[in-house]
Amino acid sequence: MPGRDLTVVGLFLGGLLSVAILLGAFVAALVVSQRRRIALERDHARRLLAAQEEERSRVARELHDDALQRVALIRHEMDEVAQLAPEAAHRIEGVSGELVDLGTVLRTAAHQLHPSVVEKAGLVRALGELAAEFGRTAGLEVRLALPAADLALPRAPGVAIYRIAHEALRNVVKHASVSQADLSLDFEAASGALRLRIADAGRGFDAGAARPEDGLGLVAMRQRAEALGGRLTVHAVPGGGTVVTAVFAAEPPA
């Protein structure tokens, strides 16, 4: 009997071991599959964002090389007409002023579509110019806390951080009802991560409630961060302001 009992116990333990091995293999396969799916989703998101940036660049070039040149040509023609028809000079001057404003709008749009300053002068200067632009166009004072020296970043994370900052500041103008916001960019040596933070002391909102009017903006910001292996969080309290934080690895995943 004892020998038979040991055999039964052995068979039972062997069965448990086989089940454990099968479960381990299943879990490992599931983890590998999940990681592969996440990698494919990130790759797809990166390709999609790259295509969007290329299209933005194309439209920006069209605005700069075509539309703005046409506006300048029309202004020049109107100046000549004003000399030939002094009696209409006042009205022509008014229209010329409108063309100046139109040129400013088109130039700003081209800059927003393709922030070439990120590539040419670096992210730190680009964020500084972005803050100045919101001050000029929206009356929003953006208090900056940026690295003293520029950061050597690949194009993709630099543009992503710029786009997220732009969208977050746009949301401040649209929803916060404040005249000031804070924008900071820090490099955390311990974790080797870049942290972008945009905060305001405005109206805030219920982060758990859907807001159709700006939901796409939040989705786009999250997609940009996650496509590069980063993460974006939004902390908001009704009446207590909003904080948008995006964290990126200094070396984004391939």
C-alpha atoms as a PDB file:
ATOM      1  CA  MET A   1       0.000   0.000   0.000  1.00  0.00           C
ATOM      2  CA  PRO A   2       2.682   2.579   0.860  1.00  0.00           C
ATOM      3  CA  GLY A   3       4.335   1.980  -2.505  1.00  0.00           C
ATOM      4  CA  ARG A   4       1.034   2.380  -4.285  1.00  0.00           C
ATOM      5  CA  ASP A   5       0.348   5.601  -2.361  1.00  0.00           C
ATOM      6  CA  LEU A   6       3.745   6.963  -3.335  1.00  0.00           C
ATOM      7  CA  THR A   7       3.008   6.153  -6.953  1.00  0.00           C
ATOM      8  CA  VAL A   8      -0.307   7.978  -6.783  1.00  0.00           C
ATOM      9  CA  VAL A   9       1.346  10.955  -5.108  1.00  0.00           C
ATOM     10  CA  GLY A  10       4.070  10.912  -7.731  1.00  0.00           C
ATOM     11  CA  LEU A  11       1.552  10.858 -10.537  1.00  0.00           C
ATOM     12  CA  PHE A  12      -0.399  13.667  -8.881  1.00  0.00           C
ATOM     13  CA  LEU A  13       2.705  15.796  -8.440  1.00  0.00           C
ATOM     14  CA  GLY A  14       3.757  15.058 -12.006  1.00  0.00           C
ATOM     15  CA  GLY A  15       0.339  16.147 -13.225  1.00  0.00           C
ATOM     16  CA  LEU A  16       0.572  19.356 -11.207  1.00  0.00           C
ATOM     17  CA  LEU A  17       4.016  20.023 -12.620  1.00  0.00           C
ATOM     18  CA  SER A  18       2.755  19.474 -16.163  1.00  0.00           C
ATOM     19  CA  VAL A  19      -0.167  21.824 -15.575  1.00  0.00           C
ATOM     20  CA  ALA A  20       2.189  24.421 -14.064  1.00  0.00           C
ATOM     21  CA  ILE A  21       4.502  24.135 -17.079  1.00  0.00           C
ATOM     22  CA  LEU A  22       1.566  24.525 -19.471  1.00  0.00           C
ATOM     23  CA  LEU A  23       0.219  27.500 -17.535  1.00  0.00           C
ATOM     24  CA  GLY A  24       3.683  29.076 -17.476  1.00  0.00           C
ATOM     25  CA  ALA A  25       4.080  28.592 -21.210  1.00  0.00           C
ATOM     26  CA  PHE A  26       0.602  30.059 -21.799  1.00  0.00           C
ATOM     27  CA  VAL A  27       1.299  33.096 -19.627  1.00  0.00           C
ATOM     28  CA  ALA A  28       4.680  33.619 -21.319  1.00  0.00           C
ATOM     29  CA  ALA A  29       3.070  33.391 -24.756  1.00  0.00           C
ATOM     30  CA  LEU A  30       0.370  35.827 -23.631  1.00  0.00           C
ATOM     31  CA  VAL A  31       2.967  38.307 -22.359  1.00  0.00           C
ATOM     32  CA  VAL A  32       4.972  38.041 -25.585  1.00  0.00           C
ATOM     33  CA  SER A  33       1.808  38.498 -27.648  1.00  0.00           C
ATOM     34  CA  GLN A  34       0.778  41.525 -25.587  1.00  0.00           C
ATOM     35  CA  ARG A  35       4.190  43.116 -25.921  1.00  0.00           C
ATOM     36  CA  ARG A  36       4.179  42.448 -29.652  1.00  0.00           C
ATOM     37  CA  ARG A  37       0.718  44.015 -29.970  1.00  0.00           C
ATOM     38  CA  ILE A  38       1.796  47.090 -28.008  1.00  0.00           C
ATOM     39  CA  ALA A  39       4.928  47.406 -30.164  1.00  0.00           C
ATOM     40  CA  LEU A  40       2.853  47.146 -33.342  1.00  0.00           C
ATOM     41  CA  GLU A  41       0.373  49.736 -32.058  1.00  0.00           C
ATOM     42  CA  ARG A  42       3.199  52.118 -31.169  1.00  0.00           C
ATOM     43  CA  ASP A  43       4.810  51.605 -34.553  1.00  0.00           C
ATOM     44  CA  HIS A  44       1.490  52.281 -36.279  1.00  0.00           C
ATOM     45  CA  ALA A  45       0.949  55.406 -34.162  1.00  0.00           C
ATOM     46  CA  ARG A  46       4.468  56.662 -34.945  1.00  0.00           C
ATOM     47  CA  ARG A  47       3.926  56.118 -38.666  1.00  0.00           C
ATOM     48  CA  LEU A  48       0.561  57.878 -38.524  1.00  0.00           C
ATOM     49  CA  LEU A  49       1.988  60.848 -36.633  1.00  0.00           C
ATOM     50  CA  ALA A  50       4.933  61.020 -39.045  1.00  0.00           C
ATOM     51  CA  ALA A  51       2.490  61.101 -41.968  1.00  0.00           C
ATOM     52  CA  GLN A  52       0.492  63.838 -40.255  1.00  0.00           C
ATOM     53  CA  GLU A  53       3.633  65.898 -39.681  1.00  0.00           C
ATOM     54  CA  GLU A  54       4.626  65.470 -43.329  1.00  0.00           C
ATOM     55  CA  GLU A  55       1.198  66.663 -44.452  1.00  0.00           C
ATOM     56  CA  ARG A  56       1.362  69.608 -42.050  1.00  0.00           C
ATOM     57  CA  SER A  57       4.763  70.483 -43.479  1.00  0.00           C
ATOM     58  CA  ARG A  58       3.404  70.349 -47.019  1.00  0.00           C
ATOM     59  CA  VAL A  59       0.494  72.656 -46.173  1.00  0.00           C
ATOM     60  CA  ALA A  60       2.844  75.009 -44.307  1.00  0.00           C
ATOM     61  CA  ARG A  61       5.104  75.223 -47.364  1.00  0.00           C
ATOM     62  CA  GLU A  62       2.077  75.968 -49.554  1.00  0.00           C
ATOM     63  CA  LEU A  63       1.041  78.773 -47.216  1.00  0.00           C
ATOM     64  CA  HIS A  64       4.530  80.225 -47.090  1.00  0.00           C
ATOM     65  CA  ASP A  65       5.538  79.825 -50.710  1.00  0.00           C
ATOM     66  CA  ASP A  66       2.182  80.524 -52.363  1.00  0.00           C
ATOM     67  CA  ALA A  67      -0.451  82.199 -50.199  1.00  0.00           C
ATOM     68  CA  LEU A  68       1.889  84.632 -48.442  1.00  0.00           C
ATOM     69  CA  GLN A  69       3.583  85.544 -51.704  1.00  0.00           C
ATOM     70  CA  ARG A  70       0.193  86.249 -53.280  1.00  0.00           C
ATOM     71  CA  VAL A  71      -0.780  88.470 -50.357  1.00  0.00           C
ATOM     72  CA  ALA A  72       2.482  90.411 -50.729  1.00  0.00           C
ATOM     73  CA  LEU A  73       1.915  90.780 -54.491  1.00  0.00           C
ATOM     74  CA  ILE A  74      -1.647  92.061 -53.970  1.00  0.00           C
ATOM     75  CA  ARG A  75      -0.412  94.613 -51.429  1.00  0.00           C
ATOM     76  CA  HIS A  76       2.201  95.810 -53.901  1.00  0.00           C
ATOM     77  CA  GLU A  77      -0.418  96.151 -56.664  1.00  0.00           C
ATOM     78  CA  MET A  78      -2.744  98.075 -54.344  1.00  0.00           C
ATOM     79  CA  ASP A  79       0.028 100.498 -53.415  1.00  0.00           C
ATOM     80  CA  GLU A  80       0.503 101.237 -57.123  1.00  0.00           C
ATOM     81  CA  VAL A  81      -3.260 101.684 -57.600  1.00  0.00           C
ATOM     82  CA  ALA A  82      -3.335 104.119 -54.683  1.00  0.00           C
ATOM     83  CA  GLN A  83      -0.764 106.284 -56.455  1.00  0.00           C
ATOM     84  CA  LEU A  84      -2.857 106.280 -59.637  1.00  0.00           C
ATOM     85  CA  ALA A  85      -6.129 106.982 -57.816  1.00  0.00           C
ATOM     86  CA  PRO A  86      -5.462 109.361 -54.916  1.00  0.00           C
ATOM     87  CA  GLU A  87      -9.210 109.771 -54.284  1.00  0.00           C
ATOM     88  CA  ALA A  88      -9.411 106.095 -53.283  1.00  0.00           C
ATOM     89  CA  ALA A  89      -6.191 106.073 -51.282  1.00  0.00           C
ATOM     90  CA  HIS A  90      -7.976 105.999 -47.921  1.00  0.00           C
ATOM     91  CA  ARG A  91     -10.065 102.944 -48.798  1.00  0.00           C
ATOM     92  CA  ILE A  92      -7.068 101.215 -50.357  1.00  0.00           C
ATOM     93  CA  GLU A  93      -5.059 101.869 -47.213  1.00  0.00           C
ATOM     94  CA  GLY A  94      -7.760 100.158 -45.162  1.00  0.00           C
ATOM     95  CA  VAL A  95      -7.778  97.115 -47.424  1.00  0.00           C
ATOM     96  CA  SER A  96      -3.983  97.033 -47.355  1.00  0.00           C
ATOM     97  CA  GLY A  97      -4.127  96.965 -43.569  1.00  0.00           C
ATOM     98  CA  GLU A  98      -6.470  93.985 -43.736  1.00  0.00           C
ATOM     99  CA  LEU A  99      -3.985  92.242 -46.013  1.00  0.00           C
ATOM    100  CA  VAL A 100      -1.240  92.862 -43.467  1.00  0.00           C
ATOM    101  CA  ASP A 101      -3.395  91.200 -40.806  1.00  0.00           C
ATOM    102  CA  LEU A 102      -4.167  88.322 -43.188  1.00  0.00           C
ATOM    103  CA  GLY A 103      -0.459  87.835 -43.827  1.00  0.00           C
ATOM    104  CA  THR A 104       0.162  87.674 -40.066  1.00  0.00           C
ATOM    105  CA  VAL A 105      -2.583  85.073 -39.639  1.00  0.00           C
ATOM    106  CA  LEU A 106      -1.224  82.956 -42.496  1.00  0.00           C
ATOM    107  CA  ARG A 107       2.327  83.218 -41.201  1.00  0.00           C
ATOM    108  CA  THR A 108       1.206  82.154 -37.723  1.00  0.00           C
ATOM    109  CA  ALA A 109      -0.765  79.240 -39.185  1.00  0.00           C
ATOM    110  CA  ALA A 110       2.232  78.120 -41.235  1.00  0.00           C
ATOM    111  CA  HIS A 111       4.427  78.266 -38.143  1.00  0.00           C
ATOM    112  CA  GLN A 112       1.943  76.207 -36.110  1.00  0.00           C
ATOM    113  CA  LEU A 113       1.573  73.631 -38.866  1.00  0.00           C
ATOM    114  CA  HIS A 114       5.320  73.188 -39.196  1.00  0.00           C
ATOM    115  CA  PRO A 115       7.331  74.483 -36.208  1.00  0.00           C
ATOM    116  CA  SER A 116      10.629  74.618 -38.071  1.00  0.00           C
ATOM    117  CA  VAL A 117      12.193  76.415 -35.108  1.00  0.00           C
ATOM    118  CA  VAL A 118      12.228  73.053 -33.272  1.00  0.00           C
ATOM    119  CA  GLU A 119      14.591  71.679 -35.905  1.00  0.00           C
ATOM    120  CA  LYS A 120      16.543  74.848 -36.574  1.00  0.00           C
ATOM    121  CA  ALA A 121      16.963  76.346 -33.083  1.00  0.00           C
ATOM    122  CA  GLY A 122      16.037  73.526 -30.726  1.00  0.00           C
ATOM    123  CA  LEU A 123      13.153  72.673 -28.431  1.00  0.00           C
ATOM    124  CA  VAL A 124      13.984  75.140 -25.654  1.00  0.00           C
ATOM    125  CA  ARG A 125      13.909  78.153 -27.958  1.00  0.00           C
ATOM    126  CA  ALA A 126      10.811  76.793 -29.731  1.00  0.00           C
ATOM    127  CA  LEU A 127       8.928  76.605 -26.422  1.00  0.00           C
ATOM    128  CA  GLY A 128      10.038  80.140 -25.607  1.00  0.00           C
ATOM    129  CA  GLU A 129       8.710  81.404 -28.929  1.00  0.00           C
ATOM    130  CA  LEU A 130       5.494  79.441 -28.410  1.00  0.00           C
ATOM    131  CA  ALA A 131       4.980  81.165 -25.071  1.00  0.00           C
ATOM    132  CA  ALA A 132       5.610  84.567 -26.651  1.00  0.00           C
ATOM    133  CA  GLU A 133       3.128  83.759 -29.427  1.00  0.00           C
ATOM    134  CA  PHE A 134       0.353  82.978 -26.922  1.00  0.00           C
ATOM    135  CA  GLY A 135       1.164  86.241 -25.188  1.00  0.00           C
ATOM    136  CA  ARG A 136       0.784  88.207 -28.428  1.00  0.00           C
ATOM    137  CA  THR A 137      -2.246  86.439 -29.884  1.00  0.00           C
ATOM    138  CA  ALA A 138      -4.224  85.342 -26.817  1.00  0.00           C
ATOM    139  CA  GLY A 139      -3.052  87.616 -24.020  1.00  0.00           C
ATOM    140  CA  LEU A 140      -1.857  84.596 -22.017  1.00  0.00           C
ATOM    141  CA  GLU A 141       1.261  85.163 -19.929  1.00  0.00           C
ATOM    142  CA  VAL A 142       3.203  81.905 -19.967  1.00  0.00           C
ATOM    143  CA  ARG A 143       5.743  81.724 -17.156  1.00  0.00           C
ATOM    144  CA  LEU A 144       8.626  79.518 -18.293  1.00  0.00           C
ATOM    145  CA  ALA A 145      10.985  77.216 -16.451  1.00  0.00           C
ATOM    146  CA  LEU A 146      13.250  75.746 -19.142  1.00  0.00           C
ATOM    147  CA  PRO A 147      16.760  74.286 -19.211  1.00  0.00           C
ATOM    148  CA  ALA A 148      19.474  76.896 -19.615  1.00  0.00           C
ATOM    149  CA  ALA A 149      20.971  75.007 -22.553  1.00  0.00           C
ATOM    150  CA  ASP A 150      19.168  73.295 -25.380  1.00  0.00           C
ATOM    151  CA  LEU A 151      18.598  69.544 -25.317  1.00  0.00           C
ATOM    152  CA  ALA A 152      20.027  67.265 -27.973  1.00  0.00           C
ATOM    153  CA  LEU A 153      16.851  65.445 -28.978  1.00  0.00           C
ATOM    154  CA  PRO A 154      15.797  63.520 -32.075  1.00  0.00           C
ATOM    155  CA  ARG A 155      13.176  65.279 -34.180  1.00  0.00           C
ATOM    156  CA  ALA A 156      10.209  63.094 -33.182  1.00  0.00           C
ATOM    157  CA  PRO A 157      10.205  63.681 -29.401  1.00  0.00           C
ATOM    158  CA  GLY A 158      11.046  67.360 -29.870  1.00  0.00           C
ATOM    159  CA  VAL A 159       8.066  67.905 -32.159  1.00  0.00           C
ATOM    160  CA  ALA A 160       5.819  65.791 -29.905  1.00  0.00           C
ATOM    161  CA  ILE A 161       6.677  67.874 -26.832  1.00  0.00           C
ATOM    162  CA  TYR A 162       6.090  71.076 -28.797  1.00  0.00           C
ATOM    163  CA  ARG A 163       2.699  69.834 -30.076  1.00  0.00           C
ATOM    164  CA  ILE A 164       1.582  68.767 -26.602  1.00  0.00           C
ATOM    165  CA  ALA A 165       2.623  72.121 -25.140  1.00  0.00           C
ATOM    166  CA  HIS A 166       0.746  73.962 -27.889  1.00  0.00           C
ATOM    167  CA  GLU A 167      -2.459  71.951 -27.378  1.00  0.00           C
ATOM    168  CA  ALA A 168      -2.296  72.279 -23.590  1.00  0.00           C
ATOM    169  CA  LEU A 169      -1.846  76.066 -23.789  1.00  0.00           C
ATOM    170  CA  ARG A 170      -4.673  76.266 -26.314  1.00  0.00           C
ATOM    171  CA  ASN A 171      -6.910  74.465 -23.823  1.00  0.00           C
ATOM    172  CA  VAL A 172      -5.897  76.970 -21.141  1.00  0.00           C
ATOM    173  CA  VAL A 173      -7.017  79.825 -23.389  1.00  0.00           C
ATOM    174  CA  LYS A 174     -10.280  78.086 -24.307  1.00  0.00           C
ATOM    175  CA  HIS A 175     -11.371  76.746 -20.937  1.00  0.00           C
ATOM    176  CA  ALA A 176      -9.393  78.014 -17.940  1.00  0.00           C
ATOM    177  CA  SER A 177     -10.494  81.694 -17.897  1.00  0.00           C
ATOM    178  CA  VAL A 178      -7.082  82.829 -16.640  1.00  0.00           C
ATOM    179  CA  SER A 179      -4.414  85.170 -17.930  1.00  0.00           C
ATOM    180  CA  GLN A 180      -1.416  83.159 -16.707  1.00  0.00           C
ATOM    181  CA  ALA A 181      -0.084  79.643 -17.080  1.00  0.00           C
ATOM    182  CA  ASP A 182       3.134  77.852 -16.162  1.00  0.00           C
ATOM    183  CA  LEU A 183       5.207  75.770 -18.564  1.00  0.00           C
ATOM    184  CA  SER A 184       8.242  73.811 -17.433  1.00  0.00           C
ATOM    185  CA  LEU A 185      10.573  71.288 -19.044  1.00  0.00           C
ATOM    186  CA  ASP A 186      12.923  69.282 -16.865  1.00  0.00           C
ATOM    187  CA  PHE A 187      15.470  66.569 -17.440  1.00  0.00           C
ATOM    188  CA  GLU A 188      15.453  64.085 -14.569  1.00  0.00           C
ATOM    189  CA  ALA A 189      18.976  62.730 -14.320  1.00  0.00           C
ATOM    190  CA  ALA A 190      17.970  59.894 -11.964  1.00  0.00           C
ATOM    191  CA  SER A 191      15.407  58.389 -14.329  1.00  0.00           C
ATOM    192  CA  GLY A 192      16.829  59.782 -17.570  1.00  0.00           C
ATOM    193  CA  ALA A 193      13.422  61.202 -18.486  1.00  0.00           C
ATOM    194  CA  LEU A 194      12.084  64.451 -19.876  1.00  0.00           C
ATOM    195  CA  ARG A 195       9.099  65.940 -18.058  1.00  0.00           C
ATOM    196  CA  LEU A 196       6.869  68.594 -19.637  1.00  0.00           C
ATOM    197  CA  ARG A 197       4.378  70.287 -17.317  1.00  0.00           C
ATOM    198  CA  ILE A 198       1.706  72.865 -18.153  1.00  0.00           C
ATOM    199  CA  ALA A 199      -0.342  74.162 -15.227  1.00  0.00           C
ATOM    200  CA  ASP A 200      -2.983  76.814 -14.653  1.00  0.00           C
ATOM    201  CA  ALA A 201      -5.036  77.944 -11.660  1.00  0.00           C
ATOM    202  CA  GLY A 202      -8.243  78.283 -13.655  1.00  0.00           C
ATOM    203  CA  ARG A 203     -11.677  76.705 -13.643  1.00  0.00           C
ATOM    204  CA  GLY A 204     -10.481  73.127 -13.895  1.00  0.00           C
ATOM    205  CA  PHE A 205     -12.937  70.366 -14.689  1.00  0.00           C
ATOM    206  CA  ASP A 206     -14.106  66.949 -13.606  1.00  0.00           C
ATOM    207  CA  ALA A 207     -11.416  64.676 -15.042  1.00  0.00           C
ATOM    208  CA  GLY A 208     -13.793  61.730 -14.880  1.00  0.00           C
ATOM    209  CA  ALA A 209     -16.460  63.399 -17.022  1.00  0.00           C
ATOM    210  CA  ALA A 210     -16.280  63.383 -20.824  1.00  0.00           C
ATOM    211  CA  ARG A 211     -15.932  66.786 -22.469  1.00  0.00           C
ATOM    212  CA  PRO A 212     -16.710  66.495 -26.189  1.00  0.00           C
ATOM    213  CA  GLU A 213     -15.423  69.975 -26.933  1.00  0.00           C
ATOM    214  CA  ASP A 214     -11.810  69.150 -26.112  1.00  0.00           C
ATOM    215  CA  GLY A 215     -11.781  65.352 -25.960  1.00  0.00           C
ATOM    216  CA  LEU A 216      -9.962  65.041 -29.273  1.00  0.00           C
ATOM    217  CA  GLY A 217      -7.215  67.347 -28.046  1.00  0.00           C
ATOM    218  CA  LEU A 218      -6.562  65.183 -24.986  1.00  0.00           C
ATOM    219  CA  VAL A 219      -6.645  62.041 -27.103  1.00  0.00           C
ATOM    220  CA  ALA A 220      -4.144  63.521 -29.555  1.00  0.00           C
ATOM    221  CA  MET A 221      -1.790  64.535 -26.740  1.00  0.00           C
ATOM    222  CA  ARG A 222      -1.924  61.043 -25.211  1.00  0.00           C
ATOM    223  CA  GLN A 223      -1.352  59.420 -28.597  1.00  0.00           C
ATOM    224  CA  ARG A 224       1.703  61.562 -29.237  1.00  0.00           C
ATOM    225  CA  ALA A 225       3.188  60.648 -25.862  1.00  0.00           C
ATOM    226  CA  GLU A 226       2.381  56.939 -26.022  1.00  0.00           C
ATOM    227  CA  ALA A 227       3.636  56.577 -29.612  1.00  0.00           C
ATOM    228  CA  LEU A 228       7.106  57.432 -28.308  1.00  0.00           C
ATOM    229  CA  GLY A 229       6.866  55.254 -25.211  1.00  0.00           C
ATOM    230  CA  GLY A 230       5.914  58.158 -22.975  1.00  0.00           C
ATOM    231  CA  ARG A 231       2.863  58.842 -20.863  1.00  0.00           C
ATOM    232  CA  LEU A 232       0.557  61.794 -20.375  1.00  0.00           C
ATOM    233  CA  THR A 233      -1.523  62.532 -17.296  1.00  0.00           C
ATOM    234  CA  VAL A 234      -4.124  65.222 -16.660  1.00  0.00           C
ATOM    235  CA  HIS A 235      -4.913  66.265 -13.107  1.00  0.00           C
ATOM    236  CA  ALA A 236      -7.854  68.625 -12.845  1.00  0.00           C
ATOM    237  CA  VAL A 237     -10.169  69.744 -10.038  1.00  0.00           C
ATOM    238  CA  PRO A 238     -13.328  71.818 -10.612  1.00  0.00           C
ATOM    239  CA  GLY A 239     -12.351  75.315  -9.524  1.00  0.00           C
ATOM    240  CA  GLY A 240      -8.830  74.161  -8.688  1.00  0.00           C
ATOM    241  CA  GLY A 241      -6.987  74.389 -11.994  1.00  0.00           C
ATOM    242  CA  THR A 242      -5.477  71.856 -14.370  1.00  0.00           C
ATOM    243  CA  VAL A 243      -2.048  70.250 -14.666  1.00  0.00           C
ATOM    244  CA  VAL A 244      -0.960  68.409 -17.812  1.00  0.00           C
ATOM    245  CA  THR A 245       2.202  66.340 -17.464  1.00  0.00           C
ATOM    246  CA  ALA A 246       3.977  64.439 -20.228  1.00  0.00           C
ATOM    247  CA  VAL A 247       6.965  62.229 -19.461  1.00  0.00           C
ATOM    248  CA  PHE A 248       9.295  60.884 -22.164  1.00  0.00           C
ATOM    249  CA  ALA A 249      12.319  58.658 -22.015  1.00  0.00           C
ATOM    250  CA  ALA A 250      15.404  60.593 -23.098  1.00  0.00           C
ATOM    251  CA  GLU A 251      16.001  57.848 -25.658  1.00  0.00           C
ATOM    252  CA  PRO A 252      12.609  56.882 -27.142  1.00  0.00           C
ATOM    253  CA  PRO A 253      12.012  53.229 -28.059  1.00  0.00           C
ATOM    254  CA  ALA A 254      12.747  52.143 -31.628  1.00  0.00           C
END
